[in-house]
Amino acid sequence: MSAIVADPQAFLRGLFDAAVAAVSPAVCVPLHLPPPPRGRTVVIGAGKAAAAMAAAVEAHWPADKPLSGMVVTRYGHGAATSRIEVVEAAHPVPDAAGEQAATRMFELLRGLTADDLVLCLISGGGSSLLALPAAGLTLADKQAVNRALLKSGANIHEMNCVRKHLSAIKGGRLALACSPARVVTLGISDIPGDDASVIASGPTVADPTTREEALAILAKYRIDVAPHVRARLESPECETPKPGDKRLANCETHVIATAQQALQAAATYARQHGVTPLVLGDSIEGESRDIAYMHAAIARQVAHHDEPAAKPCVILSGGETTVTVRGDGRGGRAAEFLLALASVLDADKLGAWALACDTDGIDGTEDNAGAWFGPDVKQRAAERRIASADFLARNDGYSFFAALDRLIVTGPTRTNVNDFRAIYLPA
């Protein structure tokens, strides 16, 4: 084992690749498949990992046992399947394809018996991919609320609380349509805390949140909604099935891949390269730039005092940050974090390297997973006559790192445990 990392850029990318590989559906799904039932098995699901999860089910399901169904994933995140249909739809704002898929999914669940099994494959992104507006609402209503939530700075728990109470399929409602069949849900978590009721807005999981909370969230972020949308939230009819609801007694849920598993894999990779991993947490939330400033402070403590870990050290963290959109720039949470970090870290003085990526391979709505920088980040910016503060002011992390040729483009990874961040401080 060497205590010297010869290529820090490759080391950072190796950390990310190890993290993503550890939460691949091909690795996680087979370990948790239930035995085939006496009757049929119908597979349903939604999320950025849904197609890869469906492919993993097919690869490990007995060929002589019935298997059918449909899952919905984001455009470009499909996978080859033969027994389970894969439909692609829009994310993060729902579209007609997602609405049509949700309607068809209910049709697939008609006529089930107690001898049948519904296997539900859920992952991050499913909230927008499986869009079925509640009675009296339209897809345009859902799109408008979704866009407002995405720009507001609301966290995923808050966004999904609102989404559930405006939906005919989320918050446990899909599970009601599966009765009397047994329902087994396998979830890949993109949620800080790994609450199964929040992953993809929990279509087969009892919902502990209330319509009053949904209204309070809209008020908190000063989100104006159409009068009929507000009327829906004010009506008892919009309330979701709650924990303890006897109608969900035949449902079970297993979270099979998490941010912690990804961080553990990255930490193992670091140790194999003679670097001490310092894992800050798998559920860090808050404004991306504020989280960046906190990471910078810890990095300086390590660099100057070898506390709370000695160099060489890599600081690792996961979770889901947010971005309150103030400008008209390009980029997602990872680019925003990294841009703020570059502006305050003094990477040249510390010899620091950093990477921030989304584990699904898509940062926001762009074509990159994230970006990276090294000790020369300020020099490269100066050579190109650009200033990080200007780009940060307009939420334009993508353009900044594109100008430095520091974007990371992986394409869809077909899994999703949210943010991955790494800061490497050499000895």
Protein backbone atom coordinates (compact mmCIF):
# COMPACT_ATOMS: atom_id res chain seq x y z
CA MET A 1 0.00 0.00 0.00
CA SER A 2 1.42 3.36 -1.02
CA ALA A 3 0.87 6.56 0.93
CA ILE A 4 1.44 8.62 -2.22
CA VAL A 5 -1.32 9.25 -4.75
CA ALA A 6 0.53 9.68 -8.03
CA ASP A 7 -2.50 10.99 -9.95
CA PRO A 8 -4.96 12.90 -7.73
CA GLN A 9 -7.42 13.44 -10.58
CA ALA A 10 -7.60 9.71 -11.26
CA PHE A 11 -7.87 9.07 -7.51
CA LEU A 12 -10.91 11.35 -7.25
CA ARG A 13 -12.57 9.67 -10.20
CA GLY A 14 -11.77 6.25 -8.73
CA LEU A 15 -13.55 7.23 -5.52
CA PHE A 16 -16.66 8.24 -7.44
CA ASP A 17 -16.64 5.14 -9.63
CA ALA A 18 -16.29 2.89 -6.58
CA ALA A 19 -19.20 4.66 -4.89
CA VAL A 20 -21.48 4.28 -7.90
CA ALA A 21 -20.54 0.62 -8.49
CA ALA A 22 -21.45 -0.27 -4.91
CA VAL A 23 -25.05 0.86 -5.40
CA SER A 24 -25.59 -0.56 -8.88
CA PRO A 25 -28.91 -2.39 -9.31
CA ALA A 26 -26.99 -5.37 -10.72
CA VAL A 27 -25.28 -5.66 -7.33
CA CYS A 28 -28.14 -4.76 -4.98
CA VAL A 29 -31.34 -6.13 -6.52
CA PRO A 30 -30.52 -9.89 -6.69
CA LEU A 31 -29.80 -10.04 -2.94
CA HIS A 32 -33.31 -8.90 -2.08
CA LEU A 33 -35.62 -10.65 -4.56
CA PRO A 34 -38.55 -12.45 -2.93
CA PRO A 35 -39.35 -16.03 -3.97
CA PRO A 36 -41.83 -16.41 -6.83
CA PRO A 37 -45.48 -16.66 -5.70
CA ARG A 38 -47.99 -19.36 -6.57
CA GLY A 39 -49.62 -16.97 -9.00
CA ARG A 40 -48.35 -14.15 -11.22
CA THR A 41 -45.59 -11.66 -10.59
CA VAL A 42 -46.25 -8.16 -11.87
CA VAL A 43 -43.35 -5.70 -11.79
CA ILE A 44 -44.03 -1.98 -11.53
CA GLY A 45 -41.81 0.93 -10.62
CA ALA A 46 -40.35 4.32 -11.39
CA GLY A 47 -37.10 6.23 -11.04
CA LYS A 48 -33.75 6.83 -12.65
CA ALA A 49 -32.65 3.32 -11.65
CA ALA A 50 -35.94 1.61 -12.55
CA ALA A 51 -34.88 0.18 -15.91
CA ALA A 52 -31.61 -1.22 -14.57
CA MET A 53 -33.50 -2.66 -11.59
CA ALA A 54 -35.96 -4.32 -13.96
CA ALA A 55 -33.09 -5.80 -15.98
CA ALA A 56 -31.57 -7.19 -12.78
CA VAL A 57 -34.91 -8.79 -11.85
CA GLU A 58 -35.16 -10.43 -15.26
CA ALA A 59 -31.60 -11.75 -15.06
CA HIS A 60 -32.29 -13.51 -11.76
CA TRP A 61 -35.95 -14.55 -12.07
CA PRO A 62 -36.68 -18.19 -12.89
CA ALA A 63 -37.36 -18.56 -16.61
CA ASP A 64 -40.33 -20.87 -15.94
CA LYS A 65 -42.08 -18.44 -13.61
CA PRO A 66 -44.53 -15.78 -14.89
CA LEU A 67 -43.07 -12.29 -14.99
CA SER A 68 -44.52 -9.15 -16.59
CA GLY A 69 -45.03 -5.48 -15.89
CA MET A 70 -43.80 -1.98 -16.64
CA VAL A 71 -41.41 0.55 -15.14
CA VAL A 72 -40.89 4.24 -15.93
CA THR A 73 -37.48 5.89 -16.11
CA ARG A 74 -36.00 9.16 -17.29
CA TYR A 75 -35.33 9.76 -20.98
CA GLY A 76 -31.97 8.20 -21.81
CA HIS A 77 -31.88 6.00 -18.69
CA GLY A 78 -33.46 2.91 -20.25
CA ALA A 79 -32.05 -0.62 -20.28
CA ALA A 80 -32.61 -3.70 -22.40
CA THR A 81 -35.41 -5.92 -21.05
CA SER A 82 -37.59 -8.63 -22.60
CA ARG A 83 -40.33 -9.42 -20.05
CA ILE A 84 -40.78 -6.05 -18.31
CA GLU A 85 -41.66 -3.02 -20.42
CA VAL A 86 -39.55 0.11 -19.95
CA VAL A 87 -41.19 3.49 -20.59
CA GLU A 88 -39.23 6.75 -20.63
CA ALA A 89 -40.60 10.07 -19.40
CA ALA A 90 -39.48 13.52 -18.24
CA HIS A 91 -37.57 14.55 -15.13
CA PRO A 92 -37.53 16.77 -13.08
CA VAL A 93 -40.74 18.29 -14.46
CA PRO A 94 -43.36 15.65 -15.40
CA ASP A 95 -44.75 15.27 -18.92
CA ALA A 96 -47.59 13.50 -20.72
CA ALA A 97 -45.56 10.31 -21.15
CA GLY A 98 -45.28 9.95 -17.38
CA GLU A 99 -48.98 10.62 -16.92
CA GLN A 100 -49.90 8.01 -19.55
CA ALA A 101 -47.54 5.48 -17.96
CA ALA A 102 -49.11 5.98 -14.53
CA THR A 103 -52.57 5.38 -15.99
CA ARG A 104 -51.40 2.20 -17.72
CA MET A 105 -49.75 1.01 -14.51
CA PHE A 106 -53.09 1.00 -12.73
CA GLU A 107 -54.54 -1.05 -15.58
CA LEU A 108 -51.80 -3.67 -15.16
CA LEU A 109 -52.89 -4.18 -11.54
CA ARG A 110 -56.49 -5.08 -12.30
CA GLY A 111 -57.67 -8.59 -11.44
CA LEU A 112 -54.87 -9.54 -9.06
CA THR A 113 -55.46 -12.26 -6.48
CA ALA A 114 -54.00 -13.16 -3.10
CA ASP A 115 -51.74 -15.67 -4.89
CA ASP A 116 -50.06 -12.90 -6.92
CA LEU A 117 -47.03 -10.74 -6.18
CA VAL A 118 -46.48 -7.11 -7.10
CA LEU A 119 -42.78 -6.27 -7.12
CA CYS A 120 -42.33 -2.50 -7.00
CA LEU A 121 -38.94 -1.06 -8.02
CA ILE A 122 -38.50 2.49 -6.74
CA SER A 123 -35.64 4.97 -7.00
CA GLY A 124 -35.01 8.71 -7.01
CA GLY A 125 -36.75 10.65 -9.74
CA GLY A 126 -39.91 8.59 -9.54
CA SER A 127 -41.96 11.50 -8.22
CA SER A 128 -41.93 13.31 -11.56
CA LEU A 129 -41.72 10.19 -13.73
CA LEU A 130 -44.90 8.70 -12.28
CA ALA A 131 -47.26 11.63 -12.60
CA LEU A 132 -50.99 11.15 -12.16
CA PRO A 133 -52.79 14.30 -10.97
CA ALA A 134 -55.46 13.96 -8.32
CA ALA A 135 -59.10 14.43 -9.29
CA GLY A 136 -59.80 17.98 -10.44
CA LEU A 137 -56.16 18.71 -11.27
CA THR A 138 -54.29 18.66 -14.59
CA LEU A 139 -50.77 17.80 -15.64
CA ALA A 140 -50.20 21.54 -16.17
CA ASP A 141 -51.13 22.14 -12.53
CA LYS A 142 -48.59 19.55 -11.39
CA GLN A 143 -45.90 20.98 -13.67
CA ALA A 144 -46.40 24.49 -12.33
CA VAL A 145 -46.14 23.40 -8.69
CA ASN A 146 -43.12 21.23 -9.48
CA ARG A 147 -41.25 24.07 -11.17
CA ALA A 148 -41.95 26.41 -8.26
CA LEU A 149 -40.75 23.87 -5.71
CA LEU A 150 -37.56 23.19 -7.66
CA LYS A 151 -36.65 26.88 -7.66
CA SER A 152 -37.69 27.57 -4.07
CA GLY A 153 -34.88 25.88 -2.16
CA ALA A 154 -37.28 23.37 -0.59
CA ASN A 155 -35.68 20.07 0.38
CA ILE A 156 -36.79 16.72 -1.00
CA HIS A 157 -38.91 15.86 2.07
CA GLU A 158 -40.85 19.09 1.63
CA MET A 159 -41.25 18.76 -2.13
CA ASN A 160 -42.52 15.21 -1.88
CA CYS A 161 -44.97 16.09 0.89
CA VAL A 162 -46.66 18.54 -1.48
CA ARG A 163 -46.46 16.17 -4.45
CA LYS A 164 -48.13 13.32 -2.54
CA HIS A 165 -51.17 15.40 -1.68
CA LEU A 166 -51.71 16.48 -5.27
CA SER A 167 -51.39 12.97 -6.69
CA ALA A 168 -53.64 10.01 -7.40
CA ILE A 169 -50.73 7.55 -7.24
CA LYS A 170 -48.17 8.73 -4.66
CA GLY A 171 -48.18 8.45 -0.88
CA GLY A 172 -49.34 4.81 -0.74
CA ARG A 173 -52.18 5.15 -3.22
CA LEU A 174 -50.58 2.81 -5.76
CA ALA A 175 -50.42 0.06 -3.11
CA LEU A 176 -54.18 0.29 -2.60
CA ALA A 177 -54.67 -0.70 -6.24
CA CYS A 178 -52.60 -3.88 -5.76
CA SER A 179 -54.94 -5.49 -3.23
CA PRO A 180 -55.33 -8.38 -2.48
CA ALA A 181 -51.88 -9.26 -3.90
CA ARG A 182 -48.74 -9.18 -1.79
CA VAL A 183 -46.64 -6.06 -2.45
CA VAL A 184 -42.85 -6.04 -2.05
CA THR A 185 -41.11 -2.73 -2.69
CA LEU A 186 -37.35 -2.52 -3.31
CA GLY A 187 -36.00 1.01 -3.03
CA ILE A 188 -32.72 2.65 -4.00
CA SER A 189 -32.60 5.67 -1.72
CA ASP A 190 -31.76 9.20 -2.83
CA ILE A 191 -33.26 10.53 0.41
CA PRO A 192 -31.23 11.82 3.38
CA GLY A 193 -32.20 9.47 6.17
CA ASP A 194 -33.41 6.78 3.74
CA ASP A 195 -37.10 7.18 4.61
CA ALA A 196 -38.90 4.80 2.25
CA SER A 197 -42.05 6.92 2.36
CA VAL A 198 -40.15 9.76 0.68
CA ILE A 199 -38.29 7.83 -2.05
CA ALA A 200 -40.18 8.71 -5.26
CA SER A 201 -42.96 10.01 -2.95
CA GLY A 202 -43.63 6.50 -1.67
CA PRO A 203 -46.30 5.21 -4.08
CA THR A 204 -46.58 1.91 -2.16
CA VAL A 205 -45.66 3.18 1.33
CA ALA A 206 -47.90 4.70 4.02
CA ASP A 207 -47.49 8.46 4.26
CA PRO A 208 -46.95 10.11 7.67
CA THR A 209 -47.23 13.66 6.27
CA THR A 210 -50.46 15.64 6.10
CA ARG A 211 -52.21 18.10 3.82
CA GLU A 212 -51.76 20.75 6.53
CA GLU A 213 -48.01 20.26 6.26
CA ALA A 214 -48.21 20.59 2.49
CA LEU A 215 -50.01 23.92 2.84
CA ALA A 216 -47.44 25.10 5.39
CA ILE A 217 -44.61 24.28 2.97
CA LEU A 218 -46.21 26.37 0.23
CA ALA A 219 -46.53 29.22 2.72
CA LYS A 220 -42.95 28.83 3.94
CA TYR A 221 -41.52 29.27 0.44
CA ARG A 222 -44.16 31.80 -0.64
CA ILE A 223 -45.34 29.61 -3.49
CA ASP A 224 -48.58 30.83 -5.04
CA VAL A 225 -50.79 28.12 -6.52
CA ALA A 226 -54.01 28.30 -8.48
CA PRO A 227 -57.20 28.53 -6.36
CA HIS A 228 -58.37 25.03 -7.36
CA VAL A 229 -54.99 23.56 -6.39
CA ARG A 230 -55.21 25.17 -2.97
CA ALA A 231 -58.79 23.97 -2.65
CA ARG A 232 -57.58 20.42 -3.28
CA LEU A 233 -55.02 20.67 -0.50
CA GLU A 234 -57.63 22.10 1.85
CA SER A 235 -59.99 19.19 1.19
CA PRO A 236 -59.88 16.05 3.40
CA GLU A 237 -60.21 14.02 0.18
CA CYS A 238 -56.55 14.70 -0.66
CA GLU A 239 -55.28 12.94 2.47
CA THR A 240 -53.03 9.91 1.94
CA PRO A 241 -53.08 6.44 3.57
CA LYS A 242 -51.33 6.64 6.96
CA PRO A 243 -49.07 4.24 8.88
CA GLY A 244 -51.18 1.50 10.42
CA ASP A 245 -53.74 1.57 7.61
CA LYS A 246 -55.06 -2.00 7.41
CA ARG A 247 -55.34 -1.72 3.63
CA LEU A 248 -51.52 -1.73 3.47
CA ALA A 249 -51.05 -4.72 5.78
CA ASN A 250 -49.87 -6.92 2.89
CA CYS A 251 -47.11 -4.50 1.86
CA GLU A 252 -43.43 -4.63 2.79
CA THR A 253 -40.56 -2.35 1.83
CA HIS A 254 -36.79 -2.88 1.69
CA VAL A 255 -34.26 -0.10 1.07
CA ILE A 256 -31.52 -1.95 -0.80
CA ALA A 257 -28.99 0.77 -1.69
CA THR A 258 -28.07 3.98 0.13
CA ALA A 259 -25.63 6.86 0.16
CA GLN A 260 -23.91 5.29 3.16
CA GLN A 261 -23.09 2.17 1.12
CA ALA A 262 -21.61 4.38 -1.61
CA LEU A 263 -19.51 6.32 0.92
CA GLN A 264 -18.31 3.10 2.54
CA ALA A 265 -17.13 1.85 -0.86
CA ALA A 266 -15.29 5.12 -1.50
CA ALA A 267 -13.71 4.96 1.95
CA THR A 268 -12.45 1.44 1.24
CA TYR A 269 -10.99 2.64 -2.07
CA ALA A 270 -9.21 5.48 -0.24
CA ARG A 271 -7.68 3.15 2.34
CA GLN A 272 -6.45 0.88 -0.44
CA HIS A 273 -4.54 3.88 -1.79
CA GLY A 274 -3.03 4.84 1.56
CA VAL A 275 -5.38 7.75 2.19
CA THR A 276 -7.39 8.23 5.38
CA PRO A 277 -11.11 8.71 4.68
CA LEU A 278 -13.02 11.24 6.78
CA VAL A 279 -16.73 10.61 6.23
CA LEU A 280 -18.75 13.65 7.30
CA GLY A 281 -22.15 12.07 6.76
CA ASP A 282 -24.50 10.45 4.28
CA SER A 283 -27.44 12.83 4.83
CA ILE A 284 -26.05 16.36 4.61
CA GLU A 285 -28.66 18.91 3.58
CA GLY A 286 -28.74 22.68 3.13
CA GLU A 287 -27.84 25.28 0.52
CA SER A 288 -25.05 23.97 -1.72
CA ARG A 289 -22.86 27.01 -1.19
CA ASP A 290 -23.32 26.91 2.60
CA ILE A 291 -22.36 23.23 2.66
CA ALA A 292 -19.31 24.13 0.55
CA TYR A 293 -18.19 26.73 3.09
CA MET A 294 -18.52 24.15 5.88
CA HIS A 295 -16.46 21.63 3.91
CA ALA A 296 -13.81 24.27 3.26
CA ALA A 297 -13.49 24.97 6.98
CA ILE A 298 -12.99 21.28 7.74
CA ALA A 299 -10.47 20.96 4.91
CA ARG A 300 -8.43 23.85 6.34
CA GLN A 301 -8.47 22.21 9.78
CA VAL A 302 -7.13 18.99 8.30
CA ALA A 303 -4.55 20.81 6.19
CA HIS A 304 -3.20 23.00 8.99
CA HIS A 305 -3.65 20.85 12.10
CA ASP A 306 -4.14 17.22 10.98
CA GLU A 307 -7.50 17.30 12.75
CA PRO A 308 -9.92 15.58 12.85
CA ALA A 309 -7.84 13.33 10.56
CA ALA A 310 -4.22 13.38 9.49
CA LYS A 311 -3.05 13.92 5.91
CA PRO A 312 -3.12 12.35 3.42
CA CYS A 313 -6.87 12.54 3.87
CA VAL A 314 -9.97 12.58 1.72
CA ILE A 315 -13.12 14.23 3.07
CA LEU A 316 -16.23 12.40 1.86
CA SER A 317 -19.90 13.29 2.16
CA GLY A 318 -23.30 12.54 0.69
CA GLY A 319 -26.89 13.67 1.06
CA GLU A 320 -28.88 16.17 -0.94
CA THR A 321 -28.16 19.86 -0.99
CA THR A 322 -30.44 22.48 -2.49
CA VAL A 323 -29.96 25.54 -4.67
CA THR A 324 -32.12 28.61 -4.34
CA VAL A 325 -32.04 29.93 -7.90
CA ARG A 326 -31.00 33.58 -7.98
CA GLY A 327 -29.60 33.86 -11.51
CA ASP A 328 -30.05 32.45 -14.98
CA GLY A 329 -26.93 30.28 -15.16
CA ARG A 330 -26.53 26.59 -15.87
CA GLY A 331 -25.71 23.77 -13.49
CA GLY A 332 -27.01 21.69 -10.63
CA ARG A 333 -26.22 21.14 -6.97
CA ALA A 334 -22.81 19.58 -7.57
CA ALA A 335 -21.51 22.42 -9.73
CA GLU A 336 -22.88 25.00 -7.29
CA PHE A 337 -21.14 23.28 -4.37
CA LEU A 338 -17.84 22.98 -6.19
CA LEU A 339 -17.90 26.56 -7.45
CA ALA A 340 -18.52 27.89 -3.93
CA LEU A 341 -15.79 25.62 -2.60
CA ALA A 342 -13.29 26.85 -5.19
CA SER A 343 -14.03 30.45 -4.27
CA VAL A 344 -13.04 30.04 -0.59
CA LEU A 345 -10.73 27.03 -0.24
CA ASP A 346 -7.37 28.43 -1.43
CA ALA A 347 -6.70 25.13 -3.15
CA ASP A 348 -3.31 26.34 -4.39
CA LYS A 349 -2.01 26.93 -0.86
CA LEU A 350 -3.43 23.67 0.51
CA GLY A 351 -2.62 21.53 -2.53
CA ALA A 352 -6.27 20.51 -2.46
CA TRP A 353 -8.24 18.58 -5.06
CA ALA A 354 -12.02 18.26 -5.08
CA LEU A 355 -14.85 16.50 -6.91
CA ALA A 356 -18.62 16.83 -6.65
CA CYS A 357 -20.99 14.66 -8.67
CA ASP A 358 -24.52 13.37 -8.63
CA THR A 359 -24.52 9.56 -8.51
CA ASP A 360 -27.18 9.35 -11.23
CA GLY A 361 -24.74 10.90 -13.72
CA ILE A 362 -26.85 14.03 -14.22
CA ASP A 363 -26.22 17.25 -12.29
CA GLY A 364 -29.50 19.14 -12.36
CA THR A 365 -30.71 19.10 -15.96
CA GLU A 366 -27.30 19.25 -17.63
CA ASP A 367 -25.27 16.59 -19.46
CA ASN A 368 -22.59 16.23 -16.77
CA ALA A 369 -22.45 14.30 -13.52
CA GLY A 370 -20.50 17.12 -11.89
CA ALA A 371 -17.02 18.58 -11.99
CA TRP A 372 -13.59 18.60 -10.34
CA PHE A 373 -10.71 20.98 -9.67
CA GLY A 374 -7.11 20.91 -8.51
CA PRO A 375 -4.67 23.35 -6.91
CA ASP A 376 -4.49 25.30 -10.18
CA VAL A 377 -8.19 26.26 -10.24
CA LYS A 378 -7.64 29.98 -9.54
CA GLN A 379 -4.74 30.18 -12.00
CA ARG A 380 -6.78 28.57 -14.78
CA ALA A 381 -9.68 30.93 -14.08
CA ALA A 382 -7.36 33.95 -14.18
CA GLU A 383 -5.90 32.80 -17.50
CA ARG A 384 -9.41 32.68 -18.93
CA ARG A 385 -10.30 36.03 -17.33
CA ILE A 386 -13.25 34.64 -15.40
CA ALA A 387 -14.09 35.02 -11.72
CA SER A 388 -15.79 32.35 -9.63
CA ALA A 389 -17.78 34.97 -7.69
CA ASP A 390 -19.43 36.24 -10.88
CA PHE A 391 -20.51 32.74 -11.90
CA LEU A 392 -21.70 31.90 -8.38
CA ALA A 393 -23.89 35.02 -8.33
CA ARG A 394 -25.84 33.72 -11.31
CA ASN A 395 -25.82 30.00 -10.38
CA ASP A 396 -23.58 29.22 -13.34
CA GLY A 397 -21.30 26.46 -12.11
CA TYR A 398 -21.63 24.46 -15.31
CA SER A 399 -20.29 27.28 -17.47
CA PHE A 400 -17.41 27.99 -15.08
CA PHE A 401 -16.12 24.42 -15.05
CA ALA A 402 -16.79 23.99 -18.76
CA ALA A 403 -14.51 26.97 -19.38
CA LEU A 404 -11.81 25.27 -17.27
CA ASP A 405 -12.37 21.91 -19.00
CA ARG A 406 -13.18 20.35 -15.64
CA LEU A 407 -16.65 18.87 -16.20
CA ILE A 408 -17.20 15.17 -15.49
CA VAL A 409 -19.44 13.49 -18.06
CA THR A 410 -20.40 9.88 -17.33
CA GLY A 411 -23.80 9.58 -18.98
CA PRO A 412 -26.65 7.98 -16.98
CA THR A 413 -25.35 5.61 -14.31
CA ARG A 414 -28.81 4.04 -13.89
CA THR A 415 -28.63 4.28 -10.13
CA ASN A 416 -29.22 7.19 -7.75
CA VAL A 417 -28.15 7.75 -4.15
CA ASN A 418 -27.77 11.49 -4.68
CA ASP A 419 -24.78 13.71 -3.94
CA PHE A 420 -21.17 12.52 -3.76
CA ARG A 421 -18.43 14.90 -2.65
CA ALA A 422 -14.70 14.34 -2.11
CA ILE A 423 -11.89 16.71 -1.09
CA TYR A 424 -8.35 15.28 -1.22
CA LEU A 425 -5.58 16.80 0.91
CA PRO A 426 -2.15 15.28 0.23
CA ALA A 427 0.53 14.78 2.91
